[in-house]
PDB file of N, CA and C in Angstrom:
ATOM      1  N   MET A   1     -18.069  13.186  48.851  1.00  0.00           N
ATOM      2  CA  MET A   1     -19.426  12.668  48.896  1.00  0.00           C
ATOM      3  C   MET A   1     -20.385  13.847  48.994  1.00  0.00           C
ATOM      4  N   GLY A   2     -21.383  13.915  48.127  1.00  0.00           N
ATOM      5  CA  GLY A   2     -22.305  15.037  48.052  1.00  0.00           C
ATOM      6  C   GLY A   2     -23.413  14.933  49.077  1.00  0.00           C
ATOM      7  N   SER A   3     -24.147  16.014  49.194  1.00  0.00           N
ATOM      8  CA  SER A   3     -25.261  16.023  50.128  1.00  0.00           C
ATOM      9  C   SER A   3     -26.431  15.238  49.554  1.00  0.00           C
ATOM     10  N   THR A   4     -27.376  14.960  50.414  1.00  0.00           N
ATOM     11  CA  THR A   4     -28.551  14.195  49.989  1.00  0.00           C
ATOM     12  C   THR A   4     -29.345  14.957  48.950  1.00  0.00           C
ATOM     13  N   GLU A   5     -29.447  16.292  49.109  1.00  0.00           N
ATOM     14  CA  GLU A   5     -30.198  17.091  48.145  1.00  0.00           C
ATOM     15  C   GLU A   5     -29.548  17.033  46.764  1.00  0.00           C
ATOM     16  N   THR A   6     -28.213  17.058  46.737  1.00  0.00           N
ATOM     17  CA  THR A   6     -27.502  16.986  45.467  1.00  0.00           C
ATOM     18  C   THR A   6     -27.750  15.641  44.801  1.00  0.00           C
ATOM     19  N   LYS A   7     -27.730  14.576  45.596  1.00  0.00           N
ATOM     20  CA  LYS A   7     -27.965  13.235  45.045  1.00  0.00           C
ATOM     21  C   LYS A   7     -29.378  13.108  44.520  1.00  0.00           C
ATOM     22  N   ARG A   8     -30.343  13.670  45.255  1.00  0.00           N
ATOM     23  CA  ARG A   8     -31.728  13.593  44.790  1.00  0.00           C
ATOM     24  C   ARG A   8     -31.914  14.386  43.497  1.00  0.00           C
ATOM     25  N   ALA A   9     -31.280  15.554  43.420  1.00  0.00           N
ATOM     26  CA  ALA A   9     -31.377  16.361  42.204  1.00  0.00           C
ATOM     27  C   ALA A   9     -30.744  15.617  41.033  1.00  0.00           C
ATOM     28  N   LYS A  10     -29.619  14.939  41.303  1.00  0.00           N
ATOM     29  CA  LYS A  10     -28.947  14.178  40.260  1.00  0.00           C
ATOM     30  C   LYS A  10     -29.826  13.012  39.802  1.00  0.00           C
ATOM     31  N   ALA A  11     -30.436  12.330  40.750  1.00  0.00           N
ATOM     32  CA  ALA A  11     -31.303  11.203  40.410  1.00  0.00           C
ATOM     33  C   ALA A  11     -32.522  11.670  39.627  1.00  0.00           C
ATOM     34  N   THR A  12     -33.063  12.832  40.001  1.00  0.00           N
ATOM     35  CA  THR A  12     -34.210  13.370  39.288  1.00  0.00           C
ATOM     36  C   THR A  12     -33.827  13.753  37.865  1.00  0.00           C
ATOM     37  N   SER A  13     -32.663  14.374  37.711  1.00  0.00           N
ATOM     38  CA  SER A  13     -32.252  14.770  36.367  1.00  0.00           C
ATOM     39  C   SER A  13     -31.979  13.542  35.508  1.00  0.00           C
ATOM     40  N   VAL A  14     -31.496  12.467  36.124  1.00  0.00           N
ATOM     41  CA  VAL A  14     -31.277  11.232  35.369  1.00  0.00           C
ATOM     42  C   VAL A  14     -32.615  10.635  34.974  1.00  0.00           C
ATOM     43  N   ALA A  15     -33.574  10.670  35.891  1.00  0.00           N
ATOM     44  CA  ALA A  15     -34.895  10.116  35.594  1.00  0.00           C
ATOM     45  C   ALA A  15     -35.583  10.915  34.495  1.00  0.00           C
ATOM     46  N   ASP A  16     -35.298  12.218  34.419  1.00  0.00           N
ATOM     47  CA  ASP A  16     -35.897  13.064  33.392  1.00  0.00           C
ATOM     48  C   ASP A  16     -35.084  13.044  32.093  1.00  0.00           C
ATOM     49  N   GLY A  17     -34.011  12.239  32.060  1.00  0.00           N
ATOM     50  CA  GLY A  17     -33.124  12.189  30.896  1.00  0.00           C
ATOM     51  C   GLY A  17     -33.857  11.759  29.645  1.00  0.00           C
ATOM     52  N   ASP A  18     -33.202  12.009  28.506  1.00  0.00           N
ATOM     53  CA  ASP A  18     -33.840  11.738  27.225  1.00  0.00           C
ATOM     54  C   ASP A  18     -33.994  10.254  26.945  1.00  0.00           C
ATOM     55  N   GLY A  19     -33.020   9.448  27.332  1.00  0.00           N
ATOM     56  CA  GLY A  19     -33.114   8.059  26.935  1.00  0.00           C
ATOM     57  C   GLY A  19     -32.531   7.116  27.953  1.00  0.00           C
ATOM     58  N   ILE A  20     -32.572   5.868  27.564  1.00  0.00           N
ATOM     59  CA  ILE A  20     -32.077   4.826  28.445  1.00  0.00           C
ATOM     60  C   ILE A  20     -30.565   4.893  28.590  1.00  0.00           C
ATOM     61  N   SER A  21     -29.885   5.445  27.594  1.00  0.00           N
ATOM     62  CA  SER A  21     -28.421   5.520  27.677  1.00  0.00           C
ATOM     63  C   SER A  21     -27.982   6.416  28.835  1.00  0.00           C
ATOM     64  N   ASP A  22     -28.714   7.500  29.089  1.00  0.00           N
ATOM     65  CA  ASP A  22     -28.386   8.377  30.221  1.00  0.00           C
ATOM     66  C   ASP A  22     -28.549   7.631  31.541  1.00  0.00           C
ATOM     67  N   ARG A  23     -29.625   6.864  31.627  1.00  0.00           N
ATOM     68  CA  ARG A  23     -29.861   6.112  32.856  1.00  0.00           C
ATOM     69  C   ARG A  23     -28.819   5.025  33.041  1.00  0.00           C
ATOM     70  N   LEU A  24     -28.423   4.373  31.965  1.00  0.00           N
ATOM     71  CA  LEU A  24     -27.404   3.322  32.069  1.00  0.00           C
ATOM     72  C   LEU A  24     -26.048   3.898  32.459  1.00  0.00           C
ATOM     73  N   LYS A  25     -25.725   5.076  31.953  1.00  0.00           N
ATOM     74  CA  LYS A  25     -24.455   5.707  32.307  1.00  0.00           C
ATOM     75  C   LYS A  25     -24.426   6.107  33.780  1.00  0.00           C
ATOM     76  N   ALA A  26     -25.568   6.505  34.331  1.00  0.00           N
ATOM     77  CA  ALA A  26     -25.627   6.951  35.720  1.00  0.00           C
ATOM     78  C   ALA A  26     -25.787   5.799  36.701  1.00  0.00           C
ATOM     79  N   TRP A  27     -26.102   4.605  36.210  1.00  0.00           N
ATOM     80  CA  TRP A  27     -26.379   3.478  37.089  1.00  0.00           C
ATOM     81  C   TRP A  27     -25.236   3.140  38.044  1.00  0.00           C
ATOM     82  N   PRO A  28     -23.975   3.031  37.606  1.00  0.00           N
ATOM     83  CA  PRO A  28     -22.903   2.683  38.555  1.00  0.00           C
ATOM     84  C   PRO A  28     -22.756   3.709  39.684  1.00  0.00           C
ATOM     85  N   GLU A  29     -22.873   4.983  39.345  1.00  0.00           N
ATOM     86  CA  GLU A  29     -22.727   6.017  40.369  1.00  0.00           C
ATOM     87  C   GLU A  29     -23.896   5.980  41.351  1.00  0.00           C
ATOM     88  N   ARG A  30     -25.101   5.781  40.818  1.00  0.00           N
ATOM     89  CA  ARG A  30     -26.274   5.708  41.688  1.00  0.00           C
ATOM     90  C   ARG A  30     -26.205   4.482  42.591  1.00  0.00           C
ATOM     91  N   THR A  31     -25.693   3.379  42.057  1.00  0.00           N
ATOM     92  CA  THR A  31     -25.546   2.166  42.857  1.00  0.00           C
ATOM     93  C   THR A  31     -24.525   2.379  43.963  1.00  0.00           C
ATOM     94  N   LYS A  32     -23.414   3.017  43.653  1.00  0.00           N
ATOM     95  CA  LYS A  32     -22.393   3.299  44.655  1.00  0.00           C
ATOM     96  C   LYS A  32     -22.958   4.220  45.738  1.00  0.00           C
ATOM     97  N   ASP A  33     -23.704   5.245  45.342  1.00  0.00           N
ATOM     98  CA  ASP A  33     -24.318   6.146  46.313  1.00  0.00           C
ATOM     99  C   ASP A  33     -25.281   5.387  47.225  1.00  0.00           C
ATOM    100  N   PHE A  34     -26.060   4.498  46.640  1.00  0.00           N
ATOM    101  CA  PHE A  34     -27.005   3.711  47.427  1.00  0.00           C
ATOM    102  C   PHE A  34     -26.269   2.853  48.451  1.00  0.00           C
ATOM    103  N   ILE A  35     -25.217   2.170  48.028  1.00  0.00           N
ATOM    104  CA  ILE A  35     -24.457   1.319  48.944  1.00  0.00           C
ATOM    105  C   ILE A  35     -23.814   2.147  50.043  1.00  0.00           C
ATOM    106  N   ASP A  36     -23.293   3.322  49.701  1.00  0.00           N
ATOM    107  CA  ASP A  36     -22.705   4.206  50.711  1.00  0.00           C
ATOM    108  C   ASP A  36     -23.743   4.639  51.734  1.00  0.00           C
ATOM    109  N   GLU A  37     -24.948   4.953  51.269  1.00  0.00           N
ATOM    110  CA  GLU A  37     -26.010   5.360  52.179  1.00  0.00           C
ATOM    111  C   GLU A  37     -26.449   4.206  53.077  1.00  0.00           C
ATOM    112  N   VAL A  38     -26.500   2.996  52.528  1.00  0.00           N
ATOM    113  CA  VAL A  38     -26.859   1.825  53.333  1.00  0.00           C
ATOM    114  C   VAL A  38     -25.819   1.604  54.423  1.00  0.00           C
ATOM    115  N   ARG A  39     -24.555   1.704  54.064  1.00  0.00           N
ATOM    116  CA  ARG A  39     -23.486   1.537  55.060  1.00  0.00           C
ATOM    117  C   ARG A  39     -23.591   2.588  56.158  1.00  0.00           C
ATOM    118  N   ALA A  40     -23.867   3.830  55.778  1.00  0.00           N
ATOM    119  CA  ALA A  40     -23.993   4.901  56.774  1.00  0.00           C
ATOM    120  C   ALA A  40     -25.162   4.630  57.712  1.00  0.00           C
ATOM    121  N   GLU A  41     -26.278   4.157  57.182  1.00  0.00           N
ATOM    122  CA  GLU A  41     -27.446   3.855  58.020  1.00  0.00           C
ATOM    123  C   GLU A  41     -27.178   2.657  58.928  1.00  0.00           C
ATOM    124  N   MET A  42     -26.467   1.662  58.411  1.00  0.00           N
ATOM    125  CA  MET A  42     -26.185   0.472  59.215  1.00  0.00           C
ATOM    126  C   MET A  42     -25.265   0.796  60.389  1.00  0.00           C
ATOM    127  N   LYS A  43     -24.441   1.834  60.265  1.00  0.00           N
ATOM    128  CA  LYS A  43     -23.601   2.253  61.387  1.00  0.00           C
ATOM    129  C   LYS A  43     -24.436   2.854  62.511  1.00  0.00           C
ATOM    130  N   LYS A  44     -25.631   3.326  62.189  1.00  0.00           N
ATOM    131  CA  LYS A  44     -26.512   3.930  63.188  1.00  0.00           C
ATOM    132  C   LYS A  44     -27.354   2.892  63.933  1.00  0.00           C
ATOM    133  N   VAL A  45     -27.354   1.644  63.459  1.00  0.00           N
ATOM    134  CA  VAL A  45     -28.192   0.606  64.050  1.00  0.00           C
ATOM    135  C   VAL A  45     -27.679   0.266  65.437  1.00  0.00           C
ATOM    136  N   ASN A  46     -28.615   0.156  66.375  1.00  0.00           N
ATOM    137  CA  ASN A  46     -28.284  -0.183  67.752  1.00  0.00           C
ATOM    138  C   ASN A  46     -28.819  -1.588  68.031  1.00  0.00           C
ATOM    139  N   TYR A  47     -27.925  -2.562  68.149  1.00  0.00           N
ATOM    140  CA  TYR A  47     -28.323  -3.940  68.381  1.00  0.00           C
ATOM    141  C   TYR A  47     -28.512  -4.185  69.873  1.00  0.00           C
ATOM    142  N   PRO A  48     -29.503  -4.991  70.256  1.00  0.00           N
ATOM    143  CA  PRO A  48     -29.719  -5.265  71.681  1.00  0.00           C
ATOM    144  C   PRO A  48     -28.633  -6.179  72.238  1.00  0.00           C
ATOM    145  N   ASN A  49     -28.383  -6.025  73.545  1.00  0.00           N
ATOM    146  CA  ASN A  49     -27.407  -6.917  74.164  1.00  0.00           C
ATOM    147  C   ASN A  49     -28.103  -8.203  74.608  1.00  0.00           C
ATOM    148  N   ARG A  50     -27.341  -9.137  75.132  1.00  0.00           N
ATOM    149  CA  ARG A  50     -27.862 -10.460  75.486  1.00  0.00           C
ATOM    150  C   ARG A  50     -28.966 -10.371  76.536  1.00  0.00           C
ATOM    151  N   LYS A  51     -28.795  -9.501  77.524  1.00  0.00           N
ATOM    152  CA  LYS A  51     -29.786  -9.375  78.598  1.00  0.00           C
ATOM    153  C   LYS A  51     -31.129  -8.872  78.054  1.00  0.00           C
ATOM    154  N   GLU A  52     -31.083  -7.908  77.148  1.00  0.00           N
ATOM    155  CA  GLU A  52     -32.313  -7.392  76.540  1.00  0.00           C
ATOM    156  C   GLU A  52     -33.023  -8.459  75.713  1.00  0.00           C
ATOM    157  N   VAL A  53     -32.266  -9.240  74.963  1.00  0.00           N
ATOM    158  CA  VAL A  53     -32.853 -10.299  74.143  1.00  0.00           C
ATOM    159  C   VAL A  53     -33.500 -11.354  75.028  1.00  0.00           C
ATOM    160  N   GLN A  54     -32.830 -11.737  76.111  1.00  0.00           N
ATOM    161  CA  GLN A  54     -33.397 -12.728  77.024  1.00  0.00           C
ATOM    162  C   GLN A  54     -34.676 -12.200  77.666  1.00  0.00           C
ATOM    163  N   GLY A  55     -34.685 -10.934  78.039  1.00  0.00           N
ATOM    164  CA  GLY A  55     -35.867 -10.348  78.666  1.00  0.00           C
ATOM    165  C   GLY A  55     -37.057 -10.313  77.722  1.00  0.00           C
ATOM    166  N   THR A  56     -36.850  -9.863  76.507  1.00  0.00           N
ATOM    167  CA  THR A  56     -37.960  -9.794  75.560  1.00  0.00           C
ATOM    168  C   THR A  56     -38.416 -11.188  75.127  1.00  0.00           C
ATOM    169  N   THR A  57     -37.489 -12.139  75.042  1.00  0.00           N
ATOM    170  CA  THR A  57     -37.861 -13.506  74.703  1.00  0.00           C
ATOM    171  C   THR A  57     -38.739 -14.104  75.797  1.00  0.00           C
ATOM    172  N   THR A  58     -38.396 -13.852  77.047  1.00  0.00           N
ATOM    173  CA  THR A  58     -39.203 -14.341  78.171  1.00  0.00           C
ATOM    174  C   THR A  58     -40.606 -13.746  78.113  1.00  0.00           C
ATOM    175  N   VAL A  59     -40.703 -12.462  77.847  1.00  0.00           N
ATOM    176  CA  VAL A  59     -42.016 -11.814  77.754  1.00  0.00           C
ATOM    177  C   VAL A  59     -42.831 -12.431  76.628  1.00  0.00           C
ATOM    178  N   VAL A  60     -42.222 -12.686  75.495  1.00  0.00           N
ATOM    179  CA  VAL A  60     -42.939 -13.268  74.356  1.00  0.00           C
ATOM    180  C   VAL A  60     -43.439 -14.670  74.694  1.00  0.00           C
ATOM    181  N   ILE A  61     -42.605 -15.484  75.295  1.00  0.00           N
ATOM    182  CA  ILE A  61     -43.006 -16.859  75.626  1.00  0.00           C
ATOM    183  C   ILE A  61     -44.154 -16.858  76.632  1.00  0.00           C
ATOM    184  N   ILE A  62     -44.059 -16.023  77.664  1.00  0.00           N
ATOM    185  CA  ILE A  62     -45.141 -15.945  78.650  1.00  0.00           C
ATOM    186  C   ILE A  62     -46.425 -15.458  77.994  1.00  0.00           C
ATOM    187  N   THR A  63     -46.327 -14.457  77.141  1.00  0.00           N
ATOM    188  CA  THR A  63     -47.499 -13.921  76.457  1.00  0.00           C
ATOM    189  C   THR A  63     -48.150 -14.979  75.565  1.00  0.00           C
ATOM    190  N   VAL A  64     -47.350 -15.775  74.884  1.00  0.00           N
ATOM    191  CA  VAL A  64     -47.893 -16.836  74.033  1.00  0.00           C
ATOM    192  C   VAL A  64     -48.701 -17.823  74.870  1.00  0.00           C
ATOM    193  N   PHE A  65     -48.175 -18.229  76.035  1.00  0.00           N
ATOM    194  CA  PHE A  65     -48.903 -19.170  76.885  1.00  0.00           C
ATOM    195  C   PHE A  65     -50.168 -18.552  77.473  1.00  0.00           C
ATOM    196  N   VAL A  66     -50.125 -17.279  77.836  1.00  0.00           N
ATOM    197  CA  VAL A  66     -51.315 -16.609  78.353  1.00  0.00           C
ATOM    198  C   VAL A  66     -52.405 -16.560  77.284  1.00  0.00           C
ATOM    199  N   PHE A  67     -52.037 -16.169  76.073  1.00  0.00           N
ATOM    200  CA  PHE A  67     -53.026 -16.115  74.991  1.00  0.00           C
ATOM    201  C   PHE A  67     -53.528 -17.506  74.616  1.00  0.00           C
ATOM    202  N   ALA A  68     -52.658 -18.505  74.658  1.00  0.00           N
ATOM    203  CA  ALA A  68     -53.091 -19.870  74.363  1.00  0.00           C
ATOM    204  C   ALA A  68     -54.132 -20.320  75.383  1.00  0.00           C
ATOM    205  N   GLY A  69     -53.887 -20.043  76.655  1.00  0.00           N
ATOM    206  CA  GLY A  69     -54.852 -20.387  77.698  1.00  0.00           C
ATOM    207  C   GLY A  69     -56.165 -19.632  77.528  1.00  0.00           C
ATOM    208  N   PHE A  70     -56.069 -18.358  77.195  1.00  0.00           N
ATOM    209  CA  PHE A  70     -57.268 -17.542  76.992  1.00  0.00           C
ATOM    210  C   PHE A  70     -58.103 -18.087  75.834  1.00  0.00           C
ATOM    211  N   PHE A  71     -57.479 -18.370  74.720  1.00  0.00           N
ATOM    212  CA  PHE A  71     -58.226 -18.873  73.567  1.00  0.00           C
ATOM    213  C   PHE A  71     -58.754 -20.283  73.804  1.00  0.00           C
ATOM    214  N   TYR A  72     -58.027 -21.097  74.570  1.00  0.00           N
ATOM    215  CA  TYR A  72     -58.525 -22.424  74.930  1.00  0.00           C
ATOM    216  C   TYR A  72     -59.802 -22.285  75.750  1.00  0.00           C
ATOM    217  N   LEU A  73     -59.780 -21.378  76.721  1.00  0.00           N
ATOM    218  CA  LEU A  73     -60.956 -21.146  77.570  1.00  0.00           C
ATOM    219  C   LEU A  73     -62.132 -20.628  76.739  1.00  0.00           C
ATOM    220  N   ILE A  74     -61.895 -19.646  75.898  1.00  0.00           N
ATOM    221  CA  ILE A  74     -62.958 -19.080  75.058  1.00  0.00           C
ATOM    222  C   ILE A  74     -63.505 -20.134  74.105  1.00  0.00           C
ATOM    223  N   ASP A  75     -62.621 -20.954  73.524  1.00  0.00           N
ATOM    224  CA  ASP A  75     -63.053 -22.009  72.615  1.00  0.00           C
ATOM    225  C   ASP A  75     -63.958 -23.004  73.335  1.00  0.00           C
ATOM    226  N   ASN A  76     -63.594 -23.381  74.545  1.00  0.00           N
ATOM    227  CA  ASN A  76     -64.419 -24.324  75.304  1.00  0.00           C
ATOM    228  C   ASN A  76     -65.764 -23.717  75.684  1.00  0.00           C
ATOM    229  N   VAL A  77     -65.781 -22.449  76.037  1.00  0.00           N
ATOM    230  CA  VAL A  77     -67.043 -21.783  76.389  1.00  0.00           C
ATOM    231  C   VAL A  77     -67.962 -21.724  75.171  1.00  0.00           C
ATOM    232  N   ILE A  78     -67.429 -21.354  74.027  1.00  0.00           N
ATOM    233  CA  ILE A  78     -68.237 -21.276  72.806  1.00  0.00           C
ATOM    234  C   ILE A  78     -68.722 -22.665  72.406  1.00  0.00           C
ATOM    235  N   THR A  79     -67.840 -23.664  72.480  1.00  0.00           N
ATOM    236  CA  THR A  79     -68.231 -25.040  72.145  1.00  0.00           C
ATOM    237  C   THR A  79     -69.346 -25.529  73.065  1.00  0.00           C
ATOM    238  N   PHE A  80     -69.203 -25.281  74.357  1.00  0.00           N
ATOM    239  CA  PHE A  80     -70.221 -25.686  75.329  1.00  0.00           C
ATOM    240  C   PHE A  80     -71.553 -24.996  75.025  1.00  0.00           C
ATOM    241  N   GLY A  81     -71.513 -23.696  74.796  1.00  0.00           N
ATOM    242  CA  GLY A  81     -72.732 -22.932  74.522  1.00  0.00           C
ATOM    243  C   GLY A  81     -73.418 -23.387  73.249  1.00  0.00           C
ATOM    244  N   LEU A  82     -72.641 -23.578  72.185  1.00  0.00           N
ATOM    245  CA  LEU A  82     -73.237 -24.010  70.920  1.00  0.00           C
ATOM    246  C   LEU A  82     -73.793 -25.433  70.995  1.00  0.00           C
ATOM    247  N   SER A  83     -73.097 -26.318  71.683  1.00  0.00           N
ATOM    248  CA  SER A  83     -73.600 -27.690  71.780  1.00  0.00           C
ATOM    249  C   SER A  83     -74.909 -27.736  72.558  1.00  0.00           C
ATOM    250  N   HIS A  84     -75.021 -26.954  73.625  1.00  0.00           N
ATOM    251  CA  HIS A  84     -76.280 -26.922  74.368  1.00  0.00           C
ATOM    252  C   HIS A  84     -77.384 -26.222  73.587  1.00  0.00           C
ATOM    253  N   LEU A  85     -77.037 -25.219  72.827  1.00  0.00           N
ATOM    254  CA  LEU A  85     -78.018 -24.522  71.998  1.00  0.00           C
ATOM    255  C   LEU A  85     -78.550 -25.447  70.905  1.00  0.00           C
ATOM    256  N   LEU A  86     -77.661 -26.221  70.266  1.00  0.00           N
ATOM    257  CA  LEU A  86     -78.082 -27.154  69.234  1.00  0.00           C
ATOM    258  C   LEU A  86     -78.927 -28.291  69.828  1.00  0.00           C
ATOM    259  N   LYS A  87     -78.580 -28.770  71.022  1.00  0.00           N
ATOM    260  CA  LYS A  87     -79.377 -29.807  71.683  1.00  0.00           C
ATOM    261  C   LYS A  87     -80.766 -29.285  72.000  1.00  0.00           C
ATOM    262  N   LEU A  88     -80.863 -28.032  72.356  1.00  0.00           N
ATOM    263  CA  LEU A  88     -82.149 -27.424  72.691  1.00  0.00           C
ATOM    264  C   LEU A  88     -83.063 -27.398  71.476  1.00  0.00           C
ATOM    265  N   PHE A  89     -82.506 -27.086  70.300  1.00  0.00           N
ATOM    266  CA  PHE A  89     -83.326 -26.997  69.089  1.00  0.00           C
ATOM    267  C   PHE A  89     -83.606 -28.364  68.460  1.00  0.00           C
ATOM    268  N   HIS A  90     -82.769 -29.384  68.734  1.00  0.00           N
ATOM    269  CA  HIS A  90     -82.985 -30.714  68.172  1.00  0.00           C
ATOM    270  C   HIS A  90     -83.905 -31.570  69.023  1.00  0.00           C
ATOM    271  N   SER A  91     -84.156 -31.164  70.194  1.00  0.00           N
ATOM    272  CA  SER A  91     -84.994 -31.983  71.076  1.00  0.00           C
ATOM    273  C   SER A  91     -86.458 -31.886  70.765  1.00  0.00           C
TER     274      SER A  91
END
């Protein structure tokens, strides 16, 4: 398996190729390289454990309720203010 610089140089030379036949010939190798790189990156992924997921889920749910309450309060204040302002001008 070649280095990343070698693969990039190969991909660049294919992109600079004379015709579509060069690109079609290089397609299987480029696809294999891409899949190999994806597999290598996926091995580096760190998945959260159950305790971390439960903790972040709790924070999200609490935050949703806090924001819902905040927007409910702001909506009522704006509604109250606008209704009294409109009554003032219609009287």
